[in-house]
Amino acid sequence: MTGHGTRSRAAAAAATATLVGCALLLTGCGIKRTDVIDSGHSATVKVSGGNKSNFLYFVAKDGDRLAPSPFSLAEGYRLNPVVLLRLLLDGPRGRAAEVGLTTALPRLPAGQEEQMAVSPYTHEGTTVRVPFAVGDLSDLARMQIVCTIGTAVLTDTRSPVILQGTDTTLPAADCDRKR
């Protein structure tokens, strides 16, 4: 009899717990409705390009952070960093422009293409030479170059970039897309 009485009490306890749970669900547990809370930018993801893509880093539509724009080639091919720099200075085109990406960089002065250079990687980083002043560039503009070239020099690595302009040479910087 103790087995039957124990089962009855267990069944009654389970039924009571179920009823209490349903009652709590129906009453909403006292949680009041709230308005939508603005919590900042949407989620971001890490973009992995492997050896098939290079990325041009443009300014996001909100104007406060960088957004990678993939530039894909056939498998096994990568663009020369000077070509990437030229594409970056031309500004967003195609899909990148359609989604509202912009640039904080100045346009390349006419006839100055030959003055651009990207040195091979050394333990100190890669030096990027551009034919305009870099001292007064915004952090976003500098990061556009640093991130585009810093991720293109070595596959799956962010390399430090030294930015050299007509006015000064800036110390090596690592890609920080939040700037």
Protein backbone atom coordinates (compact mmCIF):
# COMPACT_ATOMS: atom_id res chain seq x y z
CA MET A 1 0.00 0.00 0.00
CA THR A 2 2.82 2.39 0.61
CA GLY A 3 3.86 2.11 -3.03
CA HIS A 4 0.32 2.97 -4.21
CA GLY A 5 -0.02 5.89 -1.73
CA THR A 6 3.40 7.28 -2.69
CA ARG A 7 2.47 7.15 -6.39
CA SER A 8 -0.80 8.94 -5.72
CA ARG A 9 0.92 11.70 -3.77
CA ALA A 10 3.58 12.06 -6.50
CA ALA A 11 0.87 12.29 -9.17
CA ALA A 12 -1.03 14.88 -7.13
CA ALA A 13 2.17 16.91 -6.62
CA ALA A 14 2.93 16.78 -10.37
CA ALA A 15 -0.61 17.88 -11.21
CA THR A 16 -0.38 20.76 -8.71
CA ALA A 17 3.00 21.87 -10.12
CA THR A 18 1.57 21.80 -13.64
CA LEU A 19 -1.42 23.91 -12.61
CA VAL A 20 0.80 26.44 -10.81
CA GLY A 21 3.09 26.63 -13.87
CA CYS A 22 0.12 27.24 -16.17
CA ALA A 23 -1.25 29.90 -13.84
CA LEU A 24 2.11 31.69 -13.84
CA LEU A 25 2.26 31.60 -17.63
CA LEU A 26 -1.25 33.02 -17.90
CA THR A 27 -0.52 35.86 -15.51
CA GLY A 28 2.80 36.74 -17.20
CA CYS A 29 4.67 36.51 -13.90
CA GLY A 30 4.13 40.22 -13.29
CA ILE A 31 6.45 41.32 -16.10
CA LYS A 32 5.40 44.64 -17.51
CA ARG A 33 5.61 45.51 -21.21
CA THR A 34 8.42 47.83 -22.27
CA ASP A 35 9.20 49.84 -25.37
CA VAL A 36 11.93 48.87 -27.79
CA ILE A 37 15.34 49.75 -26.37
CA ASP A 38 17.99 51.07 -28.74
CA SER A 39 21.09 49.02 -28.06
CA GLY A 40 23.47 50.28 -30.74
CA HIS A 41 24.68 48.66 -33.92
CA SER A 42 23.55 45.31 -35.21
CA ALA A 43 25.68 42.26 -34.58
CA THR A 44 28.94 41.92 -36.46
CA VAL A 45 30.69 38.84 -37.74
CA LYS A 46 34.30 37.99 -38.38
CA VAL A 47 34.81 37.70 -42.11
CA SER A 48 37.30 35.05 -43.14
CA GLY A 49 38.59 35.36 -46.66
CA GLY A 50 41.19 32.63 -46.78
CA ASN A 51 43.23 32.82 -49.95
CA LYS A 52 40.29 33.58 -52.26
CA SER A 53 39.41 37.10 -51.14
CA ASN A 54 40.93 40.42 -50.40
CA PHE A 55 38.99 43.02 -48.47
CA LEU A 56 38.62 46.71 -49.01
CA TYR A 57 37.69 48.45 -45.76
CA PHE A 58 35.19 51.25 -46.22
CA VAL A 59 33.26 53.37 -43.71
CA ALA A 60 29.91 51.89 -42.64
CA LYS A 61 26.70 53.73 -43.47
CA ASP A 62 26.51 55.11 -39.91
CA GLY A 63 29.93 56.72 -40.41
CA ASP A 64 31.45 55.49 -37.17
CA ARG A 65 33.18 52.20 -37.98
CA LEU A 66 34.77 50.21 -40.78
CA ALA A 67 33.04 47.52 -42.82
CA PRO A 68 34.92 44.94 -44.90
CA SER A 69 33.94 44.67 -48.54
CA PRO A 70 35.19 41.41 -50.09
CA PHE A 71 36.95 41.50 -53.41
CA SER A 72 37.06 37.93 -54.71
CA LEU A 73 39.28 36.44 -57.36
CA ALA A 74 39.73 32.97 -58.76
CA GLU A 75 41.11 30.47 -56.28
CA GLY A 76 44.81 30.82 -55.64
CA TYR A 77 45.03 34.46 -56.76
CA ARG A 78 45.45 37.55 -54.62
CA LEU A 79 45.71 41.17 -55.69
CA ASN A 80 48.92 43.09 -55.35
CA PRO A 81 48.58 45.41 -52.31
CA VAL A 82 49.23 48.49 -54.51
CA VAL A 83 46.24 47.52 -56.68
CA LEU A 84 44.12 47.13 -53.53
CA LEU A 85 45.27 50.56 -52.36
CA ARG A 86 44.27 52.07 -55.70
CA LEU A 87 40.82 50.42 -55.50
CA LEU A 88 40.43 51.67 -51.93
CA LEU A 89 41.28 55.25 -52.92
CA ASP A 90 38.76 55.08 -55.78
CA GLY A 91 36.02 54.63 -53.16
CA PRO A 92 33.23 52.08 -52.89
CA ARG A 93 31.60 50.84 -56.09
CA GLY A 94 29.01 48.27 -57.02
CA ARG A 95 27.41 46.42 -54.11
CA ALA A 96 29.53 48.29 -51.53
CA ALA A 97 28.15 51.64 -52.73
CA GLU A 98 24.61 50.24 -52.97
CA VAL A 99 24.57 49.28 -49.29
CA GLY A 100 25.74 52.76 -48.27
CA LEU A 101 29.45 52.27 -47.61
CA THR A 102 31.52 55.43 -47.99
CA THR A 103 35.13 56.49 -47.58
CA ALA A 104 36.97 58.90 -45.30
CA LEU A 105 40.00 58.98 -47.61
CA PRO A 106 40.81 61.75 -50.07
CA ARG A 107 40.68 61.03 -53.79
CA LEU A 108 44.00 60.21 -55.35
CA PRO A 109 45.41 63.33 -57.04
CA ALA A 110 45.45 63.00 -60.84
CA GLY A 111 48.72 61.64 -62.18
CA GLN A 112 49.94 60.54 -58.74
CA GLU A 113 49.36 56.78 -59.11
CA GLU A 114 53.08 56.08 -59.59
CA GLN A 115 53.90 57.61 -56.20
CA MET A 116 51.98 54.90 -54.31
CA ALA A 117 53.99 52.01 -52.94
CA VAL A 118 53.61 49.11 -50.52
CA SER A 119 56.81 47.60 -49.17
CA PRO A 120 57.26 43.88 -48.59
CA TYR A 121 56.48 42.70 -45.05
CA THR A 122 59.25 42.90 -42.44
CA HIS A 123 59.16 42.19 -38.71
CA GLU A 124 58.35 45.90 -38.20
CA GLY A 125 55.39 45.77 -40.55
CA THR A 126 54.59 46.98 -44.05
CA THR A 127 55.16 50.57 -45.18
CA VAL A 128 52.47 52.17 -47.35
CA ARG A 129 53.46 55.34 -49.21
CA VAL A 130 50.69 57.61 -50.52
CA PRO A 131 50.95 60.91 -52.47
CA PHE A 132 49.00 63.01 -49.97
CA ALA A 133 49.32 64.24 -46.38
CA VAL A 134 48.50 61.63 -43.73
CA GLY A 135 49.01 63.60 -40.52
CA ASP A 136 45.54 65.14 -40.55
CA LEU A 137 43.63 62.04 -41.71
CA SER A 138 40.87 60.89 -39.37
CA ASP A 139 41.34 57.65 -37.44
CA LEU A 140 38.78 56.00 -39.75
CA ALA A 141 40.68 57.08 -42.87
CA ARG A 142 43.97 55.76 -41.49
CA MET A 143 42.32 52.51 -40.44
CA GLN A 144 40.88 52.05 -43.94
CA ILE A 145 44.43 51.84 -45.30
CA VAL A 146 45.85 49.93 -42.33
CA CYS A 147 43.13 47.27 -42.41
CA THR A 148 43.02 46.88 -46.20
CA ILE A 149 46.78 46.50 -46.57
CA GLY A 150 47.42 44.88 -43.19
CA THR A 151 45.13 41.95 -44.02
CA ALA A 152 46.35 41.64 -47.63
CA VAL A 153 50.10 41.33 -47.06
CA LEU A 154 50.07 37.96 -45.29
CA THR A 155 47.26 35.41 -45.62
CA ASP A 156 45.07 35.05 -42.49
CA THR A 157 47.17 37.56 -40.55
CA ARG A 158 46.84 41.20 -39.60
CA SER A 159 50.18 42.86 -40.21
CA PRO A 160 51.22 46.21 -38.73
CA VAL A 161 51.19 49.05 -41.29
CA ILE A 162 53.40 52.14 -41.31
CA LEU A 163 51.68 54.96 -43.18
CA GLN A 164 53.94 57.43 -45.02
CA GLY A 165 52.55 60.54 -46.69
CA THR A 166 53.87 63.78 -48.14
CA ASP A 167 53.95 65.36 -44.68
CA THR A 168 55.01 62.68 -42.21
CA THR A 169 55.43 59.00 -41.44
CA LEU A 170 53.04 57.61 -38.85
CA PRO A 171 54.07 54.85 -36.44
CA ALA A 172 53.08 51.26 -37.20
CA ALA A 173 49.42 50.52 -36.46
CA ASP A 174 47.38 47.33 -36.31
CA CYS A 175 43.91 47.02 -37.79
CA ASP A 176 41.27 48.18 -35.32
CA ARG A 177 37.97 48.27 -37.26
CA LYS A 178 36.15 50.04 -34.43
CA ARG A 179 38.08 53.27 -34.99
